[in-house]
Amino acid sequence: MKTIRILQAVTLVVAISLPLAANAESPASTVADGKPWNLTAPNGRKMAITFFQDGKVKMKMGMMSRNMTWQPTKEGICLIGTPNGDRCMRLEPTANGFVGFNGEEQTLTLSR
């Protein structure tokens, strides 16, 4: 009985400390594969962005890089800790990646 309670406590601690996992219904499950994506902002600025399954994000533009986190949503993804604050977007699939939208406004394009 004591072993079961310890196992339950460890499971609870691990579950609380991990970010919400992307389920198969969320586009985030495809995006968070640990491989870099080419991100293009609406103003044409380009950078590399990598989403990891543990909820971390690495963004690289030239010699500059920034680390932040992400969380899945049913229709897309939320980036936490961007220079413009937290940003959530709907991701719509394209032939070579995704287009991110905030409402009807396009916020980024992810491609490979």
PDB file of N, CA and C in Angstrom:
ATOM      1  N   MET A   1       0.829  -1.197   0.000  1.00  0.00           N
ATOM      2  CA  MET A   1       0.000   0.000   0.000  1.00  0.00           C
ATOM      3  C   MET A   1       0.875   1.263   0.000  1.00  0.00           C
ATOM      4  N   LYS A   2       1.964   1.238   0.776  1.00  0.00           N
ATOM      5  CA  LYS A   2       2.857   2.381   0.852  1.00  0.00           C
ATOM      6  C   LYS A   2       3.526   2.631  -0.503  1.00  0.00           C
ATOM      7  N   THR A   3       3.900   1.557  -1.201  1.00  0.00           N
ATOM      8  CA  THR A   3       4.530   1.677  -2.513  1.00  0.00           C
ATOM      9  C   THR A   3       3.583   2.311  -3.516  1.00  0.00           C
ATOM     10  N   ILE A   4       2.328   1.954  -3.484  1.00  0.00           N
ATOM     11  CA  ILE A   4       1.341   2.517  -4.400  1.00  0.00           C
ATOM     12  C   ILE A   4       1.186   4.012  -4.159  1.00  0.00           C
ATOM     13  N   ARG A   5       1.131   4.436  -2.899  1.00  0.00           N
ATOM     14  CA  ARG A   5       0.987   5.871  -2.597  1.00  0.00           C
ATOM     15  C   ARG A   5       2.210   6.664  -3.053  1.00  0.00           C
ATOM     16  N   ILE A   6       3.387   6.098  -2.876  1.00  0.00           N
ATOM     17  CA  ILE A   6       4.602   6.781  -3.328  1.00  0.00           C
ATOM     18  C   ILE A   6       4.579   6.898  -4.849  1.00  0.00           C
ATOM     19  N   LEU A   7       4.202   5.828  -5.533  1.00  0.00           N
ATOM     20  CA  LEU A   7       4.106   5.852  -6.990  1.00  0.00           C
ATOM     21  C   LEU A   7       3.078   6.880  -7.458  1.00  0.00           C
ATOM     22  N   GLN A   8       1.945   6.967  -6.779  1.00  0.00           N
ATOM     23  CA  GLN A   8       0.926   7.956  -7.131  1.00  0.00           C
ATOM     24  C   GLN A   8       1.457   9.369  -6.927  1.00  0.00           C
ATOM     25  N   ALA A   9       2.174   9.603  -5.834  1.00  0.00           N
ATOM     26  CA  ALA A   9       2.730  10.928  -5.553  1.00  0.00           C
ATOM     27  C   ALA A   9       3.755  11.315  -6.607  1.00  0.00           C
ATOM     28  N   VAL A  10       4.625  10.378  -7.008  1.00  0.00           N
ATOM     29  CA  VAL A  10       5.627  10.660  -8.033  1.00  0.00           C
ATOM     30  C   VAL A  10       4.947  10.955  -9.363  1.00  0.00           C
ATOM     31  N   THR A  11       3.931  10.183  -9.703  1.00  0.00           N
ATOM     32  CA  THR A  11       3.189  10.409 -10.940  1.00  0.00           C
ATOM     33  C   THR A  11       2.548  11.791 -10.945  1.00  0.00           C
ATOM     34  N   LEU A  12       1.970  12.194  -9.831  1.00  0.00           N
ATOM     35  CA  LEU A  12       1.338  13.503  -9.722  1.00  0.00           C
ATOM     36  C   LEU A  12       2.361  14.616  -9.887  1.00  0.00           C
ATOM     37  N   VAL A  13       3.526  14.490  -9.261  1.00  0.00           N
ATOM     38  CA  VAL A  13       4.571  15.512  -9.370  1.00  0.00           C
ATOM     39  C   VAL A  13       5.050  15.627 -10.810  1.00  0.00           C
ATOM     40  N   VAL A  14       5.263  14.506 -11.473  1.00  0.00           N
ATOM     41  CA  VAL A  14       5.705  14.533 -12.868  1.00  0.00           C
ATOM     42  C   VAL A  14       4.632  15.163 -13.747  1.00  0.00           C
ATOM     43  N   ALA A  15       3.385  14.800 -13.547  1.00  0.00           N
ATOM     44  CA  ALA A  15       2.296  15.354 -14.357  1.00  0.00           C
ATOM     45  C   ALA A  15       2.164  16.856 -14.162  1.00  0.00           C
ATOM     46  N   ILE A  16       2.341  17.342 -12.948  1.00  0.00           N
ATOM     47  CA  ILE A  16       2.236  18.777 -12.683  1.00  0.00           C
ATOM     48  C   ILE A  16       3.402  19.537 -13.290  1.00  0.00           C
ATOM     49  N   SER A  17       4.596  18.938 -13.296  1.00  0.00           N
ATOM     50  CA  SER A  17       5.780  19.656 -13.757  1.00  0.00           C
ATOM     51  C   SER A  17       5.926  19.664 -15.272  1.00  0.00           C
ATOM     52  N   LEU A  18       5.231  18.781 -15.997  1.00  0.00           N
ATOM     53  CA  LEU A  18       5.321  18.774 -17.453  1.00  0.00           C
ATOM     54  C   LEU A  18       4.291  19.711 -18.063  1.00  0.00           C
ATOM     55  N   PRO A  19       4.605  20.350 -19.203  1.00  0.00           N
ATOM     56  CA  PRO A  19       3.599  21.178 -19.858  1.00  0.00           C
ATOM     57  C   PRO A  19       2.491  20.303 -20.414  1.00  0.00           C
ATOM     58  N   LEU A  20       1.357  20.906 -20.659  1.00  0.00           N
ATOM     59  CA  LEU A  20       0.239  20.198 -21.260  1.00  0.00           C
ATOM     60  C   LEU A  20       0.700  19.592 -22.581  1.00  0.00           C
ATOM     61  N   ALA A  21       0.586  18.307 -22.713  1.00  0.00           N
ATOM     62  CA  ALA A  21       1.061  17.634 -23.924  1.00  0.00           C
ATOM     63  C   ALA A  21       0.125  17.936 -25.087  1.00  0.00           C
ATOM     64  N   ALA A  22       0.694  18.067 -26.245  1.00  0.00           N
ATOM     65  CA  ALA A  22      -0.104  18.284 -27.450  1.00  0.00           C
ATOM     66  C   ALA A  22      -0.767  16.967 -27.824  1.00  0.00           C
ATOM     67  N   ASN A  23      -2.075  16.978 -27.943  1.00  0.00           N
ATOM     68  CA  ASN A  23      -2.739  15.752 -28.356  1.00  0.00           C
ATOM     69  C   ASN A  23      -2.781  15.680 -29.875  1.00  0.00           C
ATOM     70  N   ALA A  24      -3.140  14.533 -30.377  1.00  0.00           N
ATOM     71  CA  ALA A  24      -3.110  14.308 -31.824  1.00  0.00           C
ATOM     72  C   ALA A  24      -4.066  15.228 -32.579  1.00  0.00           C
ATOM     73  N   GLU A  25      -5.067  15.787 -31.910  1.00  0.00           N
ATOM     74  CA  GLU A  25      -6.018  16.679 -32.565  1.00  0.00           C
ATOM     75  C   GLU A  25      -5.447  18.076 -32.784  1.00  0.00           C
ATOM     76  N   SER A  26      -4.459  18.462 -32.002  1.00  0.00           N
ATOM     77  CA  SER A  26      -3.896  19.799 -32.091  1.00  0.00           C
ATOM     78  C   SER A  26      -2.781  19.850 -33.134  1.00  0.00           C
ATOM     79  N   PRO A  27      -2.730  20.918 -33.951  1.00  0.00           N
ATOM     80  CA  PRO A  27      -1.612  21.065 -34.885  1.00  0.00           C
ATOM     81  C   PRO A  27      -0.268  21.118 -34.160  1.00  0.00           C
ATOM     82  N   ALA A  28      -0.283  21.473 -32.886  1.00  0.00           N
ATOM     83  CA  ALA A  28       0.959  21.537 -32.114  1.00  0.00           C
ATOM     84  C   ALA A  28       1.655  20.183 -32.061  1.00  0.00           C
ATOM     85  N   SER A  29       0.892  19.088 -32.162  1.00  0.00           N
ATOM     86  CA  SER A  29       1.513  17.762 -32.129  1.00  0.00           C
ATOM     87  C   SER A  29       2.421  17.549 -33.344  1.00  0.00           C
ATOM     88  N   THR A  30       2.132  18.198 -34.451  1.00  0.00           N
ATOM     89  CA  THR A  30       2.976  18.115 -35.646  1.00  0.00           C
ATOM     90  C   THR A  30       4.132  19.105 -35.561  1.00  0.00           C
ATOM     91  N   VAL A  31       3.868  20.290 -35.066  1.00  0.00           N
ATOM     92  CA  VAL A  31       4.876  21.354 -35.003  1.00  0.00           C
ATOM     93  C   VAL A  31       5.984  21.008 -34.014  1.00  0.00           C
ATOM     94  N   ALA A  32       5.641  20.397 -32.890  1.00  0.00           N
ATOM     95  CA  ALA A  32       6.607  20.151 -31.816  1.00  0.00           C
ATOM     96  C   ALA A  32       7.344  18.831 -32.023  1.00  0.00           C
ATOM     97  N   ASP A  33       8.154  18.786 -33.071  1.00  0.00           N
ATOM     98  CA  ASP A  33       8.890  17.563 -33.374  1.00  0.00           C
ATOM     99  C   ASP A  33      10.393  17.711 -33.157  1.00  0.00           C
ATOM    100  N   GLY A  34      10.836  18.850 -32.601  1.00  0.00           N
ATOM    101  CA  GLY A  34      12.253  19.056 -32.315  1.00  0.00           C
ATOM    102  C   GLY A  34      13.097  19.399 -33.533  1.00  0.00           C
ATOM    103  N   LYS A  35      12.462  19.610 -34.686  1.00  0.00           N
ATOM    104  CA  LYS A  35      13.177  19.994 -35.905  1.00  0.00           C
ATOM    105  C   LYS A  35      12.871  21.456 -36.207  1.00  0.00           C
ATOM    106  N   PRO A  36      13.862  22.206 -36.720  1.00  0.00           N
ATOM    107  CA  PRO A  36      13.623  23.626 -36.988  1.00  0.00           C
ATOM    108  C   PRO A  36      12.632  23.879 -38.119  1.00  0.00           C
ATOM    109  N   TRP A  37      11.816  24.907 -37.907  1.00  0.00           N
ATOM    110  CA  TRP A  37      10.885  25.415 -38.921  1.00  0.00           C
ATOM    111  C   TRP A  37      11.403  26.760 -39.402  1.00  0.00           C
ATOM    112  N   ASN A  38      11.133  27.103 -40.640  1.00  0.00           N
ATOM    113  CA  ASN A  38      11.406  28.441 -41.155  1.00  0.00           C
ATOM    114  C   ASN A  38      10.186  29.289 -40.846  1.00  0.00           C
ATOM    115  N   LEU A  39      10.359  30.306 -40.040  1.00  0.00           N
ATOM    116  CA  LEU A  39       9.265  31.199 -39.671  1.00  0.00           C
ATOM    117  C   LEU A  39       9.395  32.480 -40.476  1.00  0.00           C
ATOM    118  N   THR A  40       8.306  32.892 -41.092  1.00  0.00           N
ATOM    119  CA  THR A  40       8.259  34.165 -41.803  1.00  0.00           C
ATOM    120  C   THR A  40       7.160  35.003 -41.171  1.00  0.00           C
ATOM    121  N   ALA A  41       7.539  36.192 -40.693  1.00  0.00           N
ATOM    122  CA  ALA A  41       6.581  37.122 -40.099  1.00  0.00           C
ATOM    123  C   ALA A  41       5.869  37.893 -41.216  1.00  0.00           C
ATOM    124  N   PRO A  42       4.724  38.509 -40.926  1.00  0.00           N
ATOM    125  CA  PRO A  42       4.005  39.280 -41.958  1.00  0.00           C
ATOM    126  C   PRO A  42       4.846  40.392 -42.591  1.00  0.00           C
ATOM    127  N   ASN A  43       5.825  40.933 -41.838  1.00  0.00           N
ATOM    128  CA  ASN A  43       6.676  41.997 -42.387  1.00  0.00           C
ATOM    129  C   ASN A  43       7.824  41.442 -43.232  1.00  0.00           C
ATOM    130  N   GLY A  44       7.876  40.099 -43.413  1.00  0.00           N
ATOM    131  CA  GLY A  44       8.905  39.486 -44.238  1.00  0.00           C
ATOM    132  C   GLY A  44      10.128  39.021 -43.465  1.00  0.00           C
ATOM    133  N   ARG A  45      10.222  39.364 -42.199  1.00  0.00           N
ATOM    134  CA  ARG A  45      11.359  38.941 -41.375  1.00  0.00           C
ATOM    135  C   ARG A  45      11.350  37.417 -41.265  1.00  0.00           C
ATOM    136  N   LYS A  46      12.537  36.808 -41.424  1.00  0.00           N
ATOM    137  CA  LYS A  46      12.658  35.352 -41.386  1.00  0.00           C
ATOM    138  C   LYS A  46      13.548  34.925 -40.224  1.00  0.00           C
ATOM    139  N   MET A  47      13.221  33.783 -39.657  1.00  0.00           N
ATOM    140  CA  MET A  47      14.017  33.212 -38.583  1.00  0.00           C
ATOM    141  C   MET A  47      13.744  31.726 -38.505  1.00  0.00           C
ATOM    142  N   ALA A  48      14.551  31.020 -37.727  1.00  0.00           N
ATOM    143  CA  ALA A  48      14.330  29.598 -37.479  1.00  0.00           C
ATOM    144  C   ALA A  48      13.690  29.458 -36.104  1.00  0.00           C
ATOM    145  N   ILE A  49      12.739  28.542 -35.993  1.00  0.00           N
ATOM    146  CA  ILE A  49      12.088  28.299 -34.713  1.00  0.00           C
ATOM    147  C   ILE A  49      11.932  26.789 -34.547  1.00  0.00           C
ATOM    148  N   THR A  50      12.254  26.311 -33.349  1.00  0.00           N
ATOM    149  CA  THR A  50      12.167  24.884 -33.048  1.00  0.00           C
ATOM    150  C   THR A  50      11.299  24.696 -31.821  1.00  0.00           C
ATOM    151  N   PHE A  51      10.274  23.870 -31.952  1.00  0.00           N
ATOM    152  CA  PHE A  51       9.371  23.540 -30.852  1.00  0.00           C
ATOM    153  C   PHE A  51       9.734  22.148 -30.343  1.00  0.00           C
ATOM    154  N   PHE A  52       9.978  22.037 -29.045  1.00  0.00           N
ATOM    155  CA  PHE A  52      10.311  20.755 -28.446  1.00  0.00           C
ATOM    156  C   PHE A  52       9.108  20.227 -27.666  1.00  0.00           C
ATOM    157  N   GLN A  53       9.004  18.906 -27.561  1.00  0.00           N
ATOM    158  CA  GLN A  53       7.860  18.293 -26.892  1.00  0.00           C
ATOM    159  C   GLN A  53       7.791  18.620 -25.405  1.00  0.00           C
ATOM    160  N   ASP A  54       8.892  19.061 -24.810  1.00  0.00           N
ATOM    161  CA  ASP A  54       8.868  19.397 -23.384  1.00  0.00           C
ATOM    162  C   ASP A  54       8.340  20.804 -23.115  1.00  0.00           C
ATOM    163  N   GLY A  55       7.865  21.495 -24.165  1.00  0.00           N
ATOM    164  CA  GLY A  55       7.285  22.823 -23.987  1.00  0.00           C
ATOM    165  C   GLY A  55       8.254  23.966 -24.213  1.00  0.00           C
ATOM    166  N   LYS A  56       9.479  23.668 -24.601  1.00  0.00           N
ATOM    167  CA  LYS A  56      10.466  24.714 -24.853  1.00  0.00           C
ATOM    168  C   LYS A  56      10.483  25.079 -26.331  1.00  0.00           C
ATOM    169  N   VAL A  57      10.896  26.317 -26.593  1.00  0.00           N
ATOM    170  CA  VAL A  57      11.015  26.837 -27.961  1.00  0.00           C
ATOM    171  C   VAL A  57      12.357  27.531 -28.079  1.00  0.00           C
ATOM    172  N   LYS A  58      13.034  27.327 -29.189  1.00  0.00           N
ATOM    173  CA  LYS A  58      14.253  28.075 -29.478  1.00  0.00           C
ATOM    174  C   LYS A  58      14.049  28.810 -30.781  1.00  0.00           C
ATOM    175  N   MET A  59      14.223  30.130 -30.733  1.00  0.00           N
ATOM    176  CA  MET A  59      14.077  30.982 -31.896  1.00  0.00           C
ATOM    177  C   MET A  59      15.462  31.526 -32.242  1.00  0.00           C
ATOM    178  N   LYS A  60      15.843  31.477 -33.516  1.00  0.00           N
ATOM    179  CA  LYS A  60      17.163  31.952 -33.921  1.00  0.00           C
ATOM    180  C   LYS A  60      17.035  32.814 -35.167  1.00  0.00           C
ATOM    181  N   MET A  61      17.616  34.022 -35.073  1.00  0.00           N
ATOM    182  CA  MET A  61      17.633  34.941 -36.206  1.00  0.00           C
ATOM    183  C   MET A  61      19.047  35.480 -36.324  1.00  0.00           C
ATOM    184  N   GLY A  62      19.774  35.003 -37.341  1.00  0.00           N
ATOM    185  CA  GLY A  62      21.177  35.388 -37.466  1.00  0.00           C
ATOM    186  C   GLY A  62      21.960  34.869 -36.278  1.00  0.00           C
ATOM    187  N   MET A  63      22.686  35.755 -35.606  1.00  0.00           N
ATOM    188  CA  MET A  63      23.472  35.359 -34.436  1.00  0.00           C
ATOM    189  C   MET A  63      22.679  35.483 -33.137  1.00  0.00           C
ATOM    190  N   MET A  64      21.490  36.028 -33.209  1.00  0.00           N
ATOM    191  CA  MET A  64      20.669  36.213 -32.014  1.00  0.00           C
ATOM    192  C   MET A  64      19.755  35.017 -31.817  1.00  0.00           C
ATOM    193  N   SER A  65      19.569  34.629 -30.557  1.00  0.00           N
ATOM    194  CA  SER A  65      18.621  33.554 -30.273  1.00  0.00           C
ATOM    195  C   SER A  65      17.823  33.910 -29.027  1.00  0.00           C
ATOM    196  N   ARG A  66      16.677  33.305 -28.911  1.00  0.00           N
ATOM    197  CA  ARG A  66      15.777  33.564 -27.779  1.00  0.00           C
ATOM    198  C   ARG A  66      15.110  32.248 -27.407  1.00  0.00           C
ATOM    199  N   ASN A  67      15.027  31.999 -26.122  1.00  0.00           N
ATOM    200  CA  ASN A  67      14.330  30.821 -25.623  1.00  0.00           C
ATOM    201  C   ASN A  67      13.023  31.257 -24.985  1.00  0.00           C
ATOM    202  N   MET A  68      11.986  30.472 -25.201  1.00  0.00           N
ATOM    203  CA  MET A  68      10.689  30.722 -24.591  1.00  0.00           C
ATOM    204  C   MET A  68       9.979  29.386 -24.444  1.00  0.00           C
ATOM    205  N   THR A  69       8.703  29.414 -24.174  1.00  0.00           N
ATOM    206  CA  THR A  69       7.945  28.178 -24.028  1.00  0.00           C
ATOM    207  C   THR A  69       6.692  28.237 -24.893  1.00  0.00           C
ATOM    208  N   TRP A  70       6.041  27.084 -25.045  1.00  0.00           N
ATOM    209  CA  TRP A  70       4.810  26.997 -25.816  1.00  0.00           C
ATOM    210  C   TRP A  70       3.841  26.084 -25.097  1.00  0.00           C
ATOM    211  N   GLN A  71       2.567  26.258 -25.428  1.00  0.00           N
ATOM    212  CA  GLN A  71       1.516  25.370 -24.945  1.00  0.00           C
ATOM    213  C   GLN A  71       0.550  25.122 -26.096  1.00  0.00           C
ATOM    214  N   PRO A  72       0.058  23.891 -26.208  1.00  0.00           N
ATOM    215  CA  PRO A  72      -0.892  23.603 -27.283  1.00  0.00           C
ATOM    216  C   PRO A  72      -2.278  24.137 -26.965  1.00  0.00           C
ATOM    217  N   THR A  73      -3.013  24.447 -27.995  1.00  0.00           N
ATOM    218  CA  THR A  73      -4.435  24.743 -27.879  1.00  0.00           C
ATOM    219  C   THR A  73      -5.135  23.783 -28.835  1.00  0.00           C
ATOM    220  N   LYS A  74      -6.426  23.732 -28.769  1.00  0.00           N
ATOM    221  CA  LYS A  74      -7.150  22.807 -29.646  1.00  0.00           C
ATOM    222  C   LYS A  74      -6.905  23.114 -31.121  1.00  0.00           C
ATOM    223  N   GLU A  75      -6.830  24.402 -31.463  1.00  0.00           N
ATOM    224  CA  GLU A  75      -6.672  24.792 -32.874  1.00  0.00           C
ATOM    225  C   GLU A  75      -5.276  25.256 -33.238  1.00  0.00           C
ATOM    226  N   GLY A  76      -4.359  25.285 -32.271  1.00  0.00           N
ATOM    227  CA  GLY A  76      -3.046  25.811 -32.595  1.00  0.00           C
ATOM    228  C   GLY A  76      -2.072  25.764 -31.451  1.00  0.00           C
ATOM    229  N   ILE A  77      -1.499  26.944 -31.154  1.00  0.00           N
ATOM    230  CA  ILE A  77      -0.405  26.997 -30.200  1.00  0.00           C
ATOM    231  C   ILE A  77      -0.333  28.378 -29.556  1.00  0.00           C
ATOM    232  N   CYS A  78       0.161  28.442 -28.324  1.00  0.00           N
ATOM    233  CA  CYS A  78       0.439  29.706 -27.640  1.00  0.00           C
ATOM    234  C   CYS A  78       1.939  29.787 -27.385  1.00  0.00           C
ATOM    235  N   LEU A  79       2.546  30.894 -27.787  1.00  0.00           N
ATOM    236  CA  LEU A  79       3.945  31.165 -27.492  1.00  0.00           C
ATOM    237  C   LEU A  79       3.994  32.034 -26.245  1.00  0.00           C
ATOM    238  N   ILE A  80       4.750  31.600 -25.257  1.00  0.00           N
ATOM    239  CA  ILE A  80       4.804  32.296 -23.982  1.00  0.00           C
ATOM    240  C   ILE A  80       6.189  32.900 -23.818  1.00  0.00           C
ATOM    241  N   GLY A  81       6.224  34.202 -23.547  1.00  0.00           N
ATOM    242  CA  GLY A  81       7.485  34.890 -23.337  1.00  0.00           C
ATOM    243  C   GLY A  81       8.062  35.538 -24.573  1.00  0.00           C
ATOM    244  N   THR A  82       7.218  35.868 -25.569  1.00  0.00           N
ATOM    245  CA  THR A  82       7.716  36.570 -26.756  1.00  0.00           C
ATOM    246  C   THR A  82       7.974  38.030 -26.393  1.00  0.00           C
ATOM    247  N   PRO A  83       8.758  38.745 -27.185  1.00  0.00           N
ATOM    248  CA  PRO A  83       8.990  40.169 -26.900  1.00  0.00           C
ATOM    249  C   PRO A  83       7.690  40.982 -26.872  1.00  0.00           C
ATOM    250  N   ASN A  84       6.653  40.503 -27.573  1.00  0.00           N
ATOM    251  CA  ASN A  84       5.360  41.199 -27.605  1.00  0.00           C
ATOM    252  C   ASN A  84       4.349  40.580 -26.650  1.00  0.00           C
ATOM    253  N   GLY A  85       4.818  39.837 -25.662  1.00  0.00           N
ATOM    254  CA  GLY A  85       3.920  39.179 -24.714  1.00  0.00           C
ATOM    255  C   GLY A  85       3.513  37.805 -25.212  1.00  0.00           C
ATOM    256  N   ASP A  86       2.631  37.154 -24.486  1.00  0.00           N
ATOM    257  CA  ASP A  86       2.160  35.829 -24.868  1.00  0.00           C
ATOM    258  C   ASP A  86       1.272  35.955 -26.103  1.00  0.00           C
ATOM    259  N   ARG A  87       1.454  35.038 -27.065  1.00  0.00           N
ATOM    260  CA  ARG A  87       0.700  35.102 -28.322  1.00  0.00           C
ATOM    261  C   ARG A  87       0.130  33.731 -28.643  1.00  0.00           C
ATOM    262  N   CYS A  88      -1.171  33.681 -28.786  1.00  0.00           N
ATOM    263  CA  CYS A  88      -1.837  32.449 -29.183  1.00  0.00           C
ATOM    264  C   CYS A  88      -2.330  32.588 -30.616  1.00  0.00           C
ATOM    265  N   MET A  89      -2.276  31.499 -31.351  1.00  0.00           N
ATOM    266  CA  MET A  89      -2.714  31.556 -32.744  1.00  0.00           C
ATOM    267  C   MET A  89      -3.316  30.234 -33.186  1.00  0.00           C
ATOM    268  N   ARG A  90      -4.192  30.342 -34.130  1.00  0.00           N
ATOM    269  CA  ARG A  90      -4.775  29.182 -34.798  1.00  0.00           C
ATOM    270  C   ARG A  90      -3.807  28.799 -35.906  1.00  0.00           C
ATOM    271  N   LEU A  91      -3.485  27.518 -36.029  1.00  0.00           N
ATOM    272  CA  LEU A  91      -2.593  27.054 -37.088  1.00  0.00           C
ATOM    273  C   LEU A  91      -3.384  26.306 -38.145  1.00  0.00           C
ATOM    274  N   GLU A  92      -3.266  26.764 -39.382  1.00  0.00           N
ATOM    275  CA  GLU A  92      -3.938  26.105 -40.498  1.00  0.00           C
ATOM    276  C   GLU A  92      -2.883  25.471 -41.390  1.00  0.00           C
ATOM    277  N   PRO A  93      -3.050  24.176 -41.723  1.00  0.00           N
ATOM    278  CA  PRO A  93      -2.046  23.482 -42.529  1.00  0.00           C
ATOM    279  C   PRO A  93      -1.959  24.019 -43.959  1.00  0.00           C
ATOM    280  N   THR A  94      -0.743  23.979 -44.497  1.00  0.00           N
ATOM    281  CA  THR A  94      -0.482  24.323 -45.898  1.00  0.00           C
ATOM    282  C   THR A  94       0.276  23.146 -46.514  1.00  0.00           C
ATOM    283  N   ALA A  95       0.648  23.257 -47.767  1.00  0.00           N
ATOM    284  CA  ALA A  95       1.374  22.174 -48.445  1.00  0.00           C
ATOM    285  C   ALA A  95       2.726  21.888 -47.792  1.00  0.00           C
ATOM    286  N   ASN A  96       3.379  22.916 -47.240  1.00  0.00           N
ATOM    287  CA  ASN A  96       4.714  22.706 -46.663  1.00  0.00           C
ATOM    288  C   ASN A  96       4.835  23.197 -45.222  1.00  0.00           C
ATOM    289  N   GLY A  97       3.728  23.297 -44.500  1.00  0.00           N
ATOM    290  CA  GLY A  97       3.797  23.734 -43.110  1.00  0.00           C
ATOM    291  C   GLY A  97       2.472  24.228 -42.579  1.00  0.00           C
ATOM    292  N   PHE A  98       2.498  25.414 -41.974  1.00  0.00           N
ATOM    293  CA  PHE A  98       1.314  25.992 -41.352  1.00  0.00           C
ATOM    294  C   PHE A  98       1.317  27.507 -41.509  1.00  0.00           C
ATOM    295  N   VAL A  99       0.133  28.091 -41.474  1.00  0.00           N
ATOM    296  CA  VAL A  99      -0.022  29.542 -41.381  1.00  0.00           C
ATOM    297  C   VAL A  99      -0.721  29.803 -40.059  1.00  0.00           C
ATOM    298  N   GLY A 100      -0.177  30.753 -39.275  1.00  0.00           N
ATOM    299  CA  GLY A 100      -0.754  31.108 -37.989  1.00  0.00           C
ATOM    300  C   GLY A 100      -1.628  32.342 -38.111  1.00  0.00           C
ATOM    301  N   PHE A 101      -2.799  32.297 -37.447  1.00  0.00           N
ATOM    302  CA  PHE A 101      -3.740  33.413 -37.476  1.00  0.00           C
ATOM    303  C   PHE A 101      -4.159  33.789 -36.064  1.00  0.00           C
ATOM    304  N   ASN A 102      -4.308  35.088 -35.835  1.00  0.00           N
ATOM    305  CA  ASN A 102      -4.934  35.621 -34.637  1.00  0.00           C
ATOM    306  C   ASN A 102      -6.217  36.275 -35.140  1.00  0.00           C
ATOM    307  N   GLY A 103      -7.344  35.584 -34.967  1.00  0.00           N
ATOM    308  CA  GLY A 103      -8.571  36.034 -35.604  1.00  0.00           C
ATOM    309  C   GLY A 103      -8.416  35.859 -37.098  1.00  0.00           C
ATOM    310  N   GLU A 104      -8.587  36.931 -37.867  1.00  0.00           N
ATOM    311  CA  GLU A 104      -8.394  36.865 -39.314  1.00  0.00           C
ATOM    312  C   GLU A 104      -7.027  37.387 -39.742  1.00  0.00           C
ATOM    313  N   GLU A 105      -6.258  37.903 -38.785  1.00  0.00           N
ATOM    314  CA  GLU A 105      -4.944  38.467 -39.079  1.00  0.00           C
ATOM    315  C   GLU A 105      -3.873  37.375 -39.119  1.00  0.00           C
ATOM    316  N   GLN A 106      -3.131  37.298 -40.236  1.00  0.00           N
ATOM    317  CA  GLN A 106      -2.038  36.337 -40.331  1.00  0.00           C
ATOM    318  C   GLN A 106      -0.885  36.804 -39.468  1.00  0.00           C
ATOM    319  N   THR A 107      -0.380  35.910 -38.590  1.00  0.00           N
ATOM    320  CA  THR A 107       0.691  36.279 -37.675  1.00  0.00           C
ATOM    321  C   THR A 107       2.038  35.675 -38.039  1.00  0.00           C
ATOM    322  N   LEU A 108       2.041  34.543 -38.751  1.00  0.00           N
ATOM    323  CA  LEU A 108       3.301  33.919 -39.160  1.00  0.00           C
ATOM    324  C   LEU A 108       3.037  32.805 -40.155  1.00  0.00           C
ATOM    325  N   THR A 109       4.114  32.385 -40.801  1.00  0.00           N
ATOM    326  CA  THR A 109       4.083  31.210 -41.665  1.00  0.00           C
ATOM    327  C   THR A 109       5.221  30.292 -41.217  1.00  0.00           C
ATOM    328  N   LEU A 110       4.912  29.023 -41.023  1.00  0.00           N
ATOM    329  CA  LEU A 110       5.920  28.011 -40.699  1.00  0.00           C
ATOM    330  C   LEU A 110       6.062  27.096 -41.911  1.00  0.00           C
ATOM    331  N   SER A 111       7.300  26.894 -42.359  1.00  0.00           N
ATOM    332  CA  SER A 111       7.505  26.034 -43.520  1.00  0.00           C
ATOM    333  C   SER A 111       8.812  25.258 -43.373  1.00  0.00           C
ATOM    334  N   ARG A 112       8.888  24.194 -44.182  1.00  0.00           N
ATOM    335  CA  ARG A 112      10.117  23.391 -44.254  1.00  0.00           C
ATOM    336  C   ARG A 112      10.434  23.122 -45.702  1.00  0.00           C
TER     337      ARG A 112
END
